[in-house]
N, C-alpha and C. Protein backbone atom coordinates (compact mmCIF):
# COMPACT_ATOMS: atom_id res chain seq x y z
N UNK A 1 43.82 -97.99 27.68
CA UNK A 1 43.96 -98.88 28.77
C UNK A 1 43.69 -100.23 28.36
N UNK A 2 42.82 -100.42 27.47
CA UNK A 2 42.53 -101.86 27.03
C UNK A 2 43.45 -102.35 26.01
N UNK A 3 44.41 -101.57 25.66
CA UNK A 3 45.42 -102.19 24.66
C UNK A 3 44.88 -102.10 23.18
N UNK A 4 43.76 -101.37 22.85
CA UNK A 4 43.16 -101.35 21.59
C UNK A 4 43.61 -100.02 20.82
N UNK A 5 44.05 -100.10 19.65
CA UNK A 5 44.62 -99.12 18.91
C UNK A 5 43.28 -98.35 18.21
N UNK A 6 43.15 -97.03 18.50
CA UNK A 6 42.05 -96.32 17.84
C UNK A 6 42.62 -95.86 16.39
N UNK A 7 41.93 -96.33 15.40
CA UNK A 7 42.47 -96.02 13.94
C UNK A 7 41.78 -94.61 13.60
N UNK A 8 40.55 -94.47 14.04
CA UNK A 8 39.81 -93.25 13.71
C UNK A 8 38.55 -93.09 14.46
N UNK A 9 37.97 -91.89 14.53
CA UNK A 9 36.58 -91.78 15.12
C UNK A 9 35.62 -91.47 14.01
N UNK A 10 34.44 -92.11 14.20
CA UNK A 10 33.34 -91.90 13.17
C UNK A 10 32.08 -91.83 14.05
N UNK A 11 31.18 -90.98 13.52
CA UNK A 11 29.92 -90.78 14.16
C UNK A 11 28.93 -92.06 13.86
N UNK A 12 27.96 -92.10 14.73
CA UNK A 12 26.99 -93.34 14.62
C UNK A 12 26.27 -93.40 13.27
N UNK A 13 25.74 -92.18 12.93
CA UNK A 13 24.91 -92.30 11.57
C UNK A 13 25.79 -92.70 10.44
N UNK A 14 27.03 -92.26 10.35
CA UNK A 14 27.88 -92.64 9.32
C UNK A 14 28.18 -94.11 9.31
N UNK A 15 28.40 -94.64 10.58
CA UNK A 15 28.61 -96.11 10.67
C UNK A 15 27.48 -96.89 10.34
N UNK A 16 26.23 -96.41 10.67
CA UNK A 16 25.05 -97.19 10.29
C UNK A 16 24.90 -97.10 8.71
N UNK A 17 25.13 -95.97 8.15
CA UNK A 17 24.96 -95.88 6.64
C UNK A 17 25.98 -96.72 6.00
N UNK A 18 27.12 -96.87 6.57
CA UNK A 18 28.21 -97.72 5.82
C UNK A 18 27.85 -99.23 5.86
N UNK A 19 27.15 -99.58 6.99
CA UNK A 19 26.73 -100.93 7.09
C UNK A 19 25.64 -101.20 5.94
N UNK A 20 24.84 -100.18 5.83
CA UNK A 20 23.67 -100.37 4.79
C UNK A 20 24.13 -100.29 3.40
N UNK A 21 25.10 -99.38 3.09
CA UNK A 21 25.64 -99.25 1.70
C UNK A 21 26.58 -100.41 1.38
N UNK A 22 26.99 -101.09 2.27
CA UNK A 22 27.80 -102.30 1.96
C UNK A 22 26.89 -103.44 1.43
N UNK A 23 25.55 -103.40 1.70
CA UNK A 23 24.62 -104.37 1.01
C UNK A 23 24.14 -103.79 -0.32
N UNK A 24 24.26 -102.50 -0.50
CA UNK A 24 23.77 -102.00 -1.74
C UNK A 24 24.66 -100.75 -2.13
N UNK A 25 25.67 -101.00 -3.04
CA UNK A 25 26.65 -100.03 -3.17
C UNK A 25 26.25 -98.91 -4.21
N UNK A 26 25.04 -98.78 -4.57
CA UNK A 26 24.74 -97.71 -5.44
C UNK A 26 24.70 -96.39 -4.56
N UNK A 27 24.90 -95.27 -5.36
CA UNK A 27 24.72 -93.94 -4.68
C UNK A 27 23.35 -93.81 -4.28
N UNK A 28 23.24 -93.36 -3.11
CA UNK A 28 21.82 -93.20 -2.62
C UNK A 28 21.80 -92.30 -1.38
N UNK A 29 20.59 -91.94 -0.98
CA UNK A 29 20.34 -91.12 0.19
C UNK A 29 19.91 -91.90 1.31
N UNK A 30 20.51 -91.89 2.47
CA UNK A 30 20.30 -92.82 3.54
C UNK A 30 19.75 -92.01 4.76
N UNK A 31 18.51 -92.39 5.26
CA UNK A 31 18.18 -91.73 6.59
C UNK A 31 18.40 -92.79 7.69
N UNK A 32 19.08 -92.21 8.71
CA UNK A 32 19.41 -93.17 9.76
C UNK A 32 18.56 -92.69 11.01
N UNK A 33 17.85 -93.46 11.62
CA UNK A 33 17.00 -93.18 12.85
C UNK A 33 17.79 -93.88 13.97
N UNK A 34 18.46 -93.14 14.85
CA UNK A 34 19.16 -93.82 15.97
C UNK A 34 18.36 -93.52 17.16
N UNK A 35 17.70 -94.39 17.76
CA UNK A 35 16.96 -94.24 19.06
C UNK A 35 17.34 -95.30 19.93
N UNK A 36 18.09 -95.04 20.86
CA UNK A 36 18.57 -95.96 21.95
C UNK A 36 17.96 -95.78 23.27
N UNK A 37 18.75 -95.82 24.25
CA UNK A 37 18.29 -95.88 25.65
C UNK A 37 18.08 -94.46 26.22
N UNK A 38 18.73 -93.47 25.63
CA UNK A 38 18.44 -92.13 26.17
C UNK A 38 18.32 -91.02 25.10
N UNK A 39 18.77 -91.18 23.94
CA UNK A 39 18.56 -90.08 23.00
C UNK A 39 17.89 -90.64 21.74
N UNK A 40 17.42 -89.57 20.98
CA UNK A 40 16.93 -89.83 19.60
C UNK A 40 17.48 -88.96 18.62
N UNK A 41 18.06 -89.49 17.51
CA UNK A 41 18.68 -88.76 16.42
C UNK A 41 18.30 -89.20 15.07
N UNK A 42 17.85 -88.17 14.15
CA UNK A 42 17.55 -88.51 12.88
C UNK A 42 18.59 -87.76 11.96
N UNK A 43 19.11 -88.45 10.96
CA UNK A 43 20.17 -87.91 10.19
C UNK A 43 19.94 -88.45 8.75
N UNK A 44 20.06 -87.62 7.76
CA UNK A 44 20.04 -88.06 6.38
C UNK A 44 21.34 -87.83 5.80
N UNK A 45 21.97 -88.81 5.14
CA UNK A 45 23.26 -88.69 4.55
C UNK A 45 23.24 -89.13 3.06
N UNK A 46 23.97 -88.35 2.26
CA UNK A 46 24.15 -88.86 0.72
C UNK A 46 25.45 -89.69 0.74
N UNK A 47 25.21 -90.98 0.24
CA UNK A 47 26.33 -91.97 0.01
C UNK A 47 26.70 -91.87 -1.44
N UNK A 48 27.85 -91.31 -1.70
CA UNK A 48 28.24 -91.15 -3.19
C UNK A 48 29.65 -91.65 -3.31
N UNK A 49 29.87 -92.69 -3.83
CA UNK A 49 31.08 -93.31 -4.33
C UNK A 49 31.87 -93.60 -3.02
N UNK A 50 31.18 -94.00 -1.98
CA UNK A 50 31.82 -94.35 -0.75
C UNK A 50 32.12 -93.25 0.23
N UNK A 51 31.64 -92.10 -0.19
CA UNK A 51 31.71 -90.90 0.64
C UNK A 51 30.38 -90.54 1.21
N UNK A 52 30.30 -90.20 2.51
CA UNK A 52 29.09 -89.93 3.11
C UNK A 52 29.02 -88.53 3.68
N UNK A 53 27.98 -87.77 3.10
CA UNK A 53 28.00 -86.40 3.34
C UNK A 53 26.50 -86.20 3.95
N UNK A 54 26.57 -85.45 5.14
CA UNK A 54 25.39 -85.28 6.03
C UNK A 54 24.64 -84.14 5.39
N UNK A 55 23.25 -84.39 5.13
CA UNK A 55 22.35 -83.32 4.49
C UNK A 55 21.65 -82.65 5.49
N UNK A 56 21.04 -83.29 6.53
CA UNK A 56 20.37 -82.78 7.56
C UNK A 56 20.20 -83.59 8.75
N UNK A 57 20.10 -83.06 9.85
CA UNK A 57 20.04 -83.79 11.12
C UNK A 57 19.18 -83.17 12.18
N UNK A 58 18.40 -83.91 13.10
CA UNK A 58 17.73 -83.36 14.08
C UNK A 58 17.62 -84.33 15.14
N UNK A 59 17.19 -83.99 16.35
CA UNK A 59 17.10 -84.99 17.44
C UNK A 59 16.51 -84.44 18.71
N UNK A 60 16.31 -85.43 19.65
CA UNK A 60 15.90 -84.96 20.92
C UNK A 60 16.69 -85.60 22.04
N UNK A 61 17.29 -84.87 22.99
CA UNK A 61 18.10 -85.30 23.99
C UNK A 61 17.09 -85.79 25.09
N UNK A 62 17.66 -86.84 25.83
CA UNK A 62 16.94 -87.46 26.98
C UNK A 62 15.60 -87.84 26.55
N UNK A 63 15.58 -88.75 25.47
CA UNK A 63 14.37 -89.44 25.11
C UNK A 63 14.66 -90.80 24.60
N UNK A 64 14.28 -91.82 25.25
CA UNK A 64 14.74 -93.17 24.72
C UNK A 64 14.12 -94.20 25.63
N UNK A 65 14.83 -95.41 25.66
CA UNK A 65 14.28 -96.55 26.18
C UNK A 65 13.94 -96.50 27.74
N UNK A 66 14.74 -95.67 28.38
CA UNK A 66 14.56 -95.44 29.81
C UNK A 66 13.14 -94.84 30.08
N UNK A 67 12.70 -93.99 29.05
CA UNK A 67 11.43 -93.29 29.34
C UNK A 67 10.28 -94.38 29.19
N UNK A 68 10.43 -95.42 28.29
CA UNK A 68 9.42 -96.42 28.12
C UNK A 68 9.44 -97.36 29.33
N UNK A 69 10.65 -97.52 30.03
CA UNK A 69 10.69 -98.36 31.23
C UNK A 69 9.88 -97.47 32.41
N UNK A 70 10.03 -96.17 32.37
CA UNK A 70 9.46 -95.42 33.46
C UNK A 70 7.93 -95.50 33.27
N UNK A 71 7.39 -95.44 32.06
CA UNK A 71 5.98 -95.57 31.80
C UNK A 71 5.39 -96.76 32.36
N UNK A 72 6.15 -97.99 32.17
CA UNK A 72 5.72 -99.22 32.67
C UNK A 72 5.73 -99.15 34.12
N UNK A 73 6.73 -98.63 34.80
CA UNK A 73 6.76 -98.60 36.23
C UNK A 73 5.68 -97.71 36.70
N UNK A 74 5.25 -96.62 36.12
CA UNK A 74 4.02 -95.84 36.53
C UNK A 74 2.79 -96.53 36.40
N UNK A 75 2.64 -97.33 35.23
CA UNK A 75 1.39 -98.08 35.04
C UNK A 75 1.22 -99.16 36.12
N UNK A 76 2.42 -99.82 36.44
CA UNK A 76 2.32 -100.87 37.57
C UNK A 76 2.05 -100.13 38.82
N UNK A 77 2.65 -99.15 39.20
CA UNK A 77 2.42 -98.60 40.52
C UNK A 77 0.96 -98.05 40.77
N UNK A 78 0.55 -97.37 39.60
CA UNK A 78 -0.87 -96.86 39.70
C UNK A 78 -2.02 -97.92 39.90
N UNK A 79 -1.63 -99.16 39.33
CA UNK A 79 -2.67 -100.19 39.37
C UNK A 79 -2.45 -101.28 40.32
N UNK A 80 -1.41 -101.09 41.35
CA UNK A 80 -1.11 -101.84 42.36
C UNK A 80 -1.32 -101.15 43.71
N UNK A 81 -2.33 -101.67 44.58
CA UNK A 81 -2.56 -101.12 45.91
C UNK A 81 -1.19 -101.27 46.73
N UNK A 82 -0.87 -100.29 47.64
CA UNK A 82 0.25 -100.42 48.40
C UNK A 82 1.56 -100.15 47.72
N UNK A 83 1.61 -99.70 46.53
CA UNK A 83 2.85 -99.52 45.82
C UNK A 83 3.69 -98.41 46.39
N UNK A 84 3.02 -97.50 47.11
CA UNK A 84 3.71 -96.40 47.77
C UNK A 84 4.66 -96.93 48.80
N UNK A 85 4.54 -98.12 49.23
CA UNK A 85 5.23 -98.59 50.23
C UNK A 85 6.51 -99.42 49.78
N UNK A 86 6.64 -99.52 48.45
CA UNK A 86 7.80 -100.18 47.82
C UNK A 86 9.17 -99.47 48.22
N UNK A 87 10.25 -100.30 48.58
CA UNK A 87 11.37 -99.67 48.97
C UNK A 87 12.20 -99.30 47.72
N UNK A 88 13.32 -98.52 47.83
CA UNK A 88 14.11 -98.11 46.79
C UNK A 88 14.68 -99.31 46.03
N UNK A 89 15.12 -100.38 46.85
CA UNK A 89 15.72 -101.53 46.28
C UNK A 89 14.62 -102.27 45.47
N UNK A 90 13.32 -102.35 46.09
CA UNK A 90 12.37 -102.99 45.28
C UNK A 90 11.87 -102.36 43.95
N UNK A 91 11.96 -101.04 43.96
CA UNK A 91 11.84 -100.22 42.78
C UNK A 91 12.88 -100.49 41.86
N UNK A 92 14.04 -100.52 42.22
CA UNK A 92 15.16 -100.78 41.35
C UNK A 92 15.08 -102.15 40.52
N UNK A 93 14.73 -103.16 41.44
CA UNK A 93 14.59 -104.48 40.87
C UNK A 93 13.31 -104.54 39.84
N UNK A 94 12.31 -103.78 40.30
CA UNK A 94 11.10 -103.73 39.32
C UNK A 94 11.45 -103.11 37.97
N UNK A 95 12.30 -102.04 38.07
CA UNK A 95 12.59 -101.40 36.84
C UNK A 95 13.41 -102.29 35.89
N UNK A 96 14.15 -103.19 36.34
CA UNK A 96 14.86 -104.22 35.56
C UNK A 96 13.80 -105.15 35.00
N UNK A 97 12.83 -105.55 35.76
CA UNK A 97 11.83 -106.40 35.18
C UNK A 97 10.88 -105.61 34.16
N UNK A 98 10.72 -104.37 34.38
CA UNK A 98 9.96 -103.52 33.39
C UNK A 98 10.74 -103.59 32.04
N UNK A 99 12.02 -103.34 32.08
CA UNK A 99 12.86 -103.30 30.87
C UNK A 99 12.78 -104.69 30.15
N UNK A 100 12.97 -105.70 30.99
CA UNK A 100 12.72 -107.16 30.37
C UNK A 100 11.47 -107.23 29.66
N UNK A 101 10.34 -106.90 30.29
CA UNK A 101 9.10 -107.00 29.70
C UNK A 101 8.93 -106.17 28.34
N UNK A 102 9.48 -104.87 28.39
CA UNK A 102 9.54 -104.07 27.20
C UNK A 102 10.28 -104.79 25.95
N UNK A 103 11.37 -105.47 26.32
CA UNK A 103 12.21 -106.24 25.35
C UNK A 103 11.34 -107.45 24.82
N UNK A 104 10.70 -108.10 25.61
CA UNK A 104 9.95 -109.28 25.30
C UNK A 104 8.84 -108.79 24.34
N UNK A 105 8.18 -107.63 24.58
CA UNK A 105 7.09 -107.23 23.88
C UNK A 105 7.36 -106.83 22.42
N UNK A 106 8.63 -106.81 22.16
CA UNK A 106 8.99 -106.54 20.72
C UNK A 106 8.86 -107.80 19.90
N UNK A 107 8.75 -109.04 20.50
CA UNK A 107 8.68 -110.20 19.76
C UNK A 107 7.45 -110.97 20.19
N UNK A 108 6.74 -110.61 21.25
CA UNK A 108 5.67 -111.43 21.66
C UNK A 108 4.49 -110.53 22.08
N UNK A 109 3.25 -111.15 22.25
CA UNK A 109 2.07 -110.25 22.63
C UNK A 109 1.98 -109.85 24.03
N UNK A 110 2.57 -110.77 24.93
CA UNK A 110 2.41 -110.56 26.34
C UNK A 110 3.68 -110.75 27.03
N UNK A 111 3.82 -110.27 28.22
CA UNK A 111 4.96 -110.47 29.09
C UNK A 111 4.42 -110.36 30.58
N UNK A 112 5.05 -111.16 31.41
CA UNK A 112 4.74 -111.21 32.91
C UNK A 112 5.76 -110.37 33.59
N UNK A 113 5.26 -109.50 34.52
CA UNK A 113 6.23 -108.74 35.37
C UNK A 113 5.98 -109.11 36.84
N UNK A 114 7.00 -109.71 37.55
CA UNK A 114 6.90 -109.99 38.91
C UNK A 114 6.83 -108.73 39.83
N UNK A 115 6.02 -108.56 40.66
CA UNK A 115 5.94 -107.25 41.57
C UNK A 115 6.53 -107.56 42.90
N UNK A 116 6.92 -106.48 43.63
CA UNK A 116 7.60 -106.65 44.86
C UNK A 116 6.67 -107.37 45.94
N UNK A 117 5.35 -107.37 45.77
CA UNK A 117 4.47 -107.91 46.73
C UNK A 117 4.24 -109.49 46.38
N UNK A 118 4.94 -109.98 45.55
CA UNK A 118 4.82 -111.34 45.17
C UNK A 118 3.78 -111.75 44.00
N UNK A 119 2.99 -110.71 43.57
CA UNK A 119 2.19 -110.88 42.51
C UNK A 119 2.82 -110.84 41.18
N UNK A 120 2.25 -111.35 40.20
CA UNK A 120 2.74 -111.25 38.83
C UNK A 120 1.69 -110.43 37.93
N UNK A 121 2.06 -109.52 37.38
CA UNK A 121 1.29 -108.60 36.54
C UNK A 121 1.49 -109.02 35.01
N UNK A 122 0.44 -109.21 34.28
CA UNK A 122 0.61 -109.52 32.95
C UNK A 122 0.42 -108.13 32.15
N UNK A 123 1.45 -107.88 31.23
CA UNK A 123 1.40 -106.67 30.39
C UNK A 123 1.33 -107.12 29.00
N UNK A 124 0.18 -106.71 28.25
CA UNK A 124 0.07 -106.95 26.94
C UNK A 124 0.73 -105.95 26.04
N UNK A 125 1.02 -106.27 24.82
CA UNK A 125 1.46 -105.31 23.76
C UNK A 125 0.45 -104.24 23.59
N UNK A 126 -0.70 -104.53 23.63
CA UNK A 126 -1.83 -103.41 23.44
C UNK A 126 -1.78 -102.47 24.59
N UNK A 127 -1.65 -102.92 25.84
CA UNK A 127 -1.49 -102.00 27.01
C UNK A 127 -0.16 -101.16 26.99
N UNK A 128 0.92 -101.86 26.51
CA UNK A 128 2.19 -101.21 26.39
C UNK A 128 2.12 -100.04 25.45
N UNK A 129 1.55 -100.28 24.21
CA UNK A 129 1.32 -99.36 23.17
C UNK A 129 0.53 -98.15 23.69
N UNK A 130 -0.52 -98.36 24.44
CA UNK A 130 -1.35 -97.35 24.97
C UNK A 130 -0.75 -96.42 25.98
N UNK A 131 0.12 -97.04 26.84
CA UNK A 131 0.74 -96.14 27.78
C UNK A 131 2.08 -95.47 27.37
N UNK A 132 2.47 -95.90 26.30
CA UNK A 132 3.75 -95.31 25.74
C UNK A 132 3.41 -94.64 24.40
N UNK A 133 2.33 -94.44 23.88
CA UNK A 133 2.12 -93.87 22.59
C UNK A 133 2.57 -92.51 22.48
N UNK A 134 2.53 -91.64 23.53
CA UNK A 134 3.05 -90.28 23.64
C UNK A 134 4.58 -90.12 23.43
N UNK A 135 5.22 -91.23 23.89
CA UNK A 135 6.64 -91.40 23.67
C UNK A 135 6.99 -91.61 22.18
N UNK A 136 6.31 -92.55 21.78
CA UNK A 136 6.49 -93.00 20.29
C UNK A 136 6.29 -91.80 19.35
N UNK A 137 5.18 -91.08 19.64
CA UNK A 137 5.01 -89.91 18.79
C UNK A 137 6.01 -88.77 18.76
N UNK A 138 6.78 -88.83 19.83
CA UNK A 138 7.93 -87.89 19.78
C UNK A 138 8.95 -87.96 18.57
N UNK A 139 8.93 -89.06 17.95
CA UNK A 139 9.79 -89.24 16.78
C UNK A 139 9.33 -88.42 15.61
N UNK A 140 8.05 -88.02 15.61
CA UNK A 140 7.45 -87.19 14.58
C UNK A 140 8.19 -85.90 14.42
N UNK A 141 8.63 -85.13 15.47
CA UNK A 141 9.09 -83.84 15.30
C UNK A 141 10.54 -83.77 14.59
N UNK A 142 11.53 -84.56 15.17
CA UNK A 142 12.78 -84.48 14.35
C UNK A 142 12.70 -85.21 12.98
N UNK A 143 11.89 -86.21 12.78
CA UNK A 143 11.75 -86.78 11.50
C UNK A 143 11.06 -85.97 10.60
N UNK A 144 10.10 -85.27 10.87
CA UNK A 144 9.34 -84.38 9.99
C UNK A 144 10.13 -83.14 9.50
N UNK A 145 11.05 -82.71 10.54
CA UNK A 145 11.90 -81.55 10.32
C UNK A 145 12.97 -81.92 9.22
N UNK A 146 13.45 -83.05 9.39
CA UNK A 146 14.45 -83.61 8.40
C UNK A 146 13.83 -83.75 7.00
N UNK A 147 12.66 -84.26 7.01
CA UNK A 147 12.06 -84.49 5.69
C UNK A 147 11.64 -83.13 5.06
N UNK A 148 11.34 -82.05 5.92
CA UNK A 148 11.06 -80.72 5.38
C UNK A 148 12.38 -80.21 4.84
N UNK A 149 13.43 -80.36 5.53
CA UNK A 149 14.78 -79.87 4.99
C UNK A 149 15.17 -80.47 3.84
N UNK A 150 14.92 -81.79 3.74
CA UNK A 150 15.38 -82.45 2.54
C UNK A 150 14.37 -82.09 1.36
N UNK A 151 13.12 -81.81 1.56
CA UNK A 151 12.26 -81.34 0.48
C UNK A 151 12.75 -79.99 0.01
N UNK A 152 13.16 -79.25 0.89
CA UNK A 152 13.74 -77.86 0.49
C UNK A 152 14.99 -77.93 -0.44
N UNK A 153 15.80 -79.00 -0.24
CA UNK A 153 16.85 -79.27 -1.04
C UNK A 153 16.62 -80.13 -2.36
N UNK A 154 15.27 -80.37 -2.40
CA UNK A 154 14.81 -81.20 -3.53
C UNK A 154 15.41 -82.63 -3.50
N UNK A 155 15.62 -83.10 -2.24
CA UNK A 155 16.24 -84.45 -2.11
C UNK A 155 15.13 -85.42 -1.60
N UNK A 156 15.51 -86.72 -1.69
CA UNK A 156 14.68 -87.83 -1.37
C UNK A 156 15.34 -88.85 -0.39
N UNK A 157 14.63 -89.62 0.18
CA UNK A 157 15.25 -90.68 0.95
C UNK A 157 15.08 -91.97 0.16
N UNK A 158 16.24 -92.63 -0.07
CA UNK A 158 16.21 -93.88 -0.88
C UNK A 158 16.30 -95.12 0.09
N UNK A 159 16.80 -95.00 1.25
CA UNK A 159 17.13 -96.13 2.20
C UNK A 159 16.78 -95.69 3.56
N UNK A 160 16.13 -96.57 4.34
CA UNK A 160 15.75 -96.11 5.78
C UNK A 160 16.56 -97.22 6.65
N UNK A 161 17.28 -96.69 7.56
CA UNK A 161 18.20 -97.63 8.44
C UNK A 161 17.65 -97.20 9.93
N UNK A 162 17.32 -98.33 10.68
CA UNK A 162 16.99 -98.11 12.07
C UNK A 162 18.17 -98.68 13.04
N UNK A 163 18.56 -97.81 14.03
CA UNK A 163 19.51 -98.16 14.81
C UNK A 163 19.17 -97.90 16.32
N UNK A 164 19.57 -98.67 17.27
CA UNK A 164 19.24 -98.48 18.57
C UNK A 164 18.06 -99.37 19.12
N UNK A 165 18.08 -99.75 20.39
CA UNK A 165 17.11 -100.71 20.87
C UNK A 165 15.62 -100.27 20.83
N UNK A 166 15.39 -99.02 20.89
CA UNK A 166 14.12 -98.55 20.92
C UNK A 166 13.34 -98.77 19.52
N UNK A 167 14.33 -98.87 18.54
CA UNK A 167 13.68 -98.96 17.11
C UNK A 167 13.22 -100.49 17.02
N UNK A 168 13.42 -101.30 17.93
CA UNK A 168 12.91 -102.62 17.78
C UNK A 168 11.46 -102.80 18.21
N UNK A 169 11.01 -101.68 18.83
CA UNK A 169 9.62 -101.69 19.33
C UNK A 169 8.68 -101.52 18.02
N UNK A 170 7.74 -102.52 17.88
CA UNK A 170 6.81 -102.54 16.68
C UNK A 170 6.17 -101.26 16.41
N UNK A 171 5.67 -100.59 17.36
CA UNK A 171 4.88 -99.30 17.24
C UNK A 171 5.84 -98.30 16.72
N UNK A 172 7.13 -98.21 17.12
CA UNK A 172 8.06 -97.29 16.49
C UNK A 172 8.33 -97.59 15.12
N UNK A 173 8.63 -98.87 14.82
CA UNK A 173 8.84 -99.16 13.51
C UNK A 173 7.81 -98.77 12.42
N UNK A 174 6.51 -99.15 13.04
CA UNK A 174 5.30 -98.94 12.15
C UNK A 174 5.12 -97.43 11.84
N UNK A 175 5.35 -96.64 12.94
CA UNK A 175 5.14 -95.07 12.78
C UNK A 175 6.23 -94.47 11.82
N UNK A 176 7.50 -94.88 11.99
CA UNK A 176 8.61 -94.51 11.27
C UNK A 176 8.31 -94.85 9.70
N UNK A 177 7.95 -96.07 9.44
CA UNK A 177 7.74 -96.58 8.19
C UNK A 177 6.54 -95.65 7.51
N UNK A 178 5.66 -95.45 8.24
CA UNK A 178 4.39 -94.65 7.77
C UNK A 178 4.92 -93.25 7.40
N UNK A 179 5.61 -92.63 8.26
CA UNK A 179 6.10 -91.24 8.04
C UNK A 179 7.08 -91.10 6.86
N UNK A 180 7.97 -92.00 6.84
CA UNK A 180 9.01 -91.93 5.65
C UNK A 180 8.49 -92.44 4.48
N UNK A 181 7.65 -93.42 4.47
CA UNK A 181 7.10 -94.11 3.26
C UNK A 181 8.05 -95.20 2.70
N UNK A 182 8.88 -95.59 3.62
CA UNK A 182 9.76 -96.65 3.23
C UNK A 182 9.84 -97.71 4.29
N UNK A 183 10.03 -99.02 3.97
CA UNK A 183 10.26 -100.08 4.92
C UNK A 183 11.74 -99.95 5.31
N UNK A 184 11.96 -100.31 6.54
CA UNK A 184 13.57 -100.25 6.92
C UNK A 184 14.23 -101.32 6.24
N UNK A 185 15.44 -101.01 5.84
CA UNK A 185 16.38 -102.02 5.18
C UNK A 185 16.50 -103.34 5.99
N UNK A 186 16.04 -104.34 5.37
CA UNK A 186 16.07 -105.66 6.11
C UNK A 186 17.48 -106.27 6.13
N UNK A 187 17.63 -107.11 7.00
CA UNK A 187 19.04 -107.83 7.33
C UNK A 187 19.90 -107.02 8.25
N UNK A 188 19.44 -105.82 8.73
CA UNK A 188 20.30 -105.06 9.71
C UNK A 188 19.61 -105.08 11.05
N UNK A 189 20.36 -105.54 12.06
CA UNK A 189 19.83 -105.37 13.44
C UNK A 189 20.08 -104.16 14.05
N UNK A 190 19.08 -103.40 14.57
CA UNK A 190 19.23 -102.10 15.17
C UNK A 190 20.24 -102.19 16.18
N UNK A 191 20.36 -103.38 17.03
CA UNK A 191 21.33 -103.37 18.11
C UNK A 191 22.77 -103.47 17.58
N UNK A 192 23.03 -103.80 16.47
CA UNK A 192 24.50 -104.11 16.01
C UNK A 192 24.85 -103.37 14.66
N UNK A 193 23.91 -102.60 14.14
CA UNK A 193 24.19 -102.06 12.89
C UNK A 193 25.38 -100.99 12.95
N UNK A 194 25.37 -100.12 14.01
CA UNK A 194 26.49 -99.29 14.11
C UNK A 194 27.74 -99.88 14.34
N UNK A 195 27.74 -100.93 15.17
CA UNK A 195 28.99 -101.73 15.37
C UNK A 195 29.58 -102.41 14.10
N UNK A 196 28.56 -102.74 13.29
CA UNK A 196 28.96 -103.42 11.91
C UNK A 196 29.58 -102.51 11.09
N UNK A 197 28.98 -101.16 11.03
CA UNK A 197 29.59 -100.18 10.17
C UNK A 197 30.97 -99.74 10.59
N UNK A 198 31.17 -99.76 11.88
CA UNK A 198 32.55 -99.38 12.47
C UNK A 198 33.57 -100.47 12.00
N UNK A 199 32.97 -101.76 12.03
CA UNK A 199 33.95 -102.94 11.81
C UNK A 199 34.31 -102.82 10.29
N UNK A 200 33.36 -102.48 9.48
CA UNK A 200 33.61 -102.20 7.98
C UNK A 200 34.73 -101.20 7.73
N UNK A 201 34.48 -100.11 8.49
CA UNK A 201 35.43 -98.98 8.33
C UNK A 201 36.89 -99.35 8.76
N UNK A 202 36.93 -100.14 9.83
CA UNK A 202 38.32 -100.65 10.34
C UNK A 202 38.89 -101.65 9.42
N UNK A 203 38.11 -102.53 8.84
CA UNK A 203 38.55 -103.46 7.87
C UNK A 203 39.07 -102.83 6.59
N UNK A 204 38.50 -101.78 6.13
CA UNK A 204 38.89 -100.97 5.00
C UNK A 204 40.19 -100.19 5.38
N UNK A 205 40.36 -99.79 6.52
CA UNK A 205 41.62 -99.04 6.96
C UNK A 205 42.75 -99.96 7.00
N UNK A 206 42.47 -101.18 7.30
CA UNK A 206 43.64 -102.24 7.41
C UNK A 206 43.73 -102.96 6.26
N UNK A 207 43.03 -102.65 5.07
CA UNK A 207 43.18 -103.32 3.73
C UNK A 207 42.56 -104.80 3.77
N UNK A 208 41.66 -104.98 4.71
CA UNK A 208 41.06 -106.39 4.65
C UNK A 208 39.76 -106.35 3.87
N UNK A 209 39.26 -105.09 3.50
CA UNK A 209 38.16 -104.98 2.65
C UNK A 209 38.56 -103.89 1.55
N UNK A 210 37.89 -104.04 0.30
CA UNK A 210 38.18 -102.96 -0.65
C UNK A 210 37.40 -101.80 -0.35
N UNK A 211 37.99 -100.59 -0.55
CA UNK A 211 37.33 -99.35 -0.21
C UNK A 211 36.27 -99.05 -1.27
């Protein structure tokens, strides 16, 4: 309907791995952690001479940025007298403000959240980390399963790629780095890495880039 020609379909981990290996063309094992608004996926792929072969994958459905927003909402409601009287519209607007605060806390230590009653609540990154740590910890299960599978195949992780907005949360990045023992590949924005990989694939298909 948009007048766009679909050249091919590719899954998100492969696209992210393609963006990563464009920076380092050596054969390597790439772990992609794709944690966006609603799902969490961990995938390990072997990149060999431009071919991407999935080695192991695991994930959690219905776990993502919206859960972090909900925890902020719960924290605000429990600490604000009269919150039970907020209307549906007021709660919807507050959820937007909660999401904005979450995004700001990825780059600063505090964020202000305007409440329906006219007050402004200050949310620190420390508070945010405390009320969402149980969500952050959920990444351990699929990640550790993939690492166990990889160990059984005597494989290793050479490159770590983060994709999705939730991976911009400092506590998430720190935990993943600790569990994998690698720093995420620099120069890749989790919000655009999948689109970049898809663009690279499209350029190769149209002979604009060497394969």
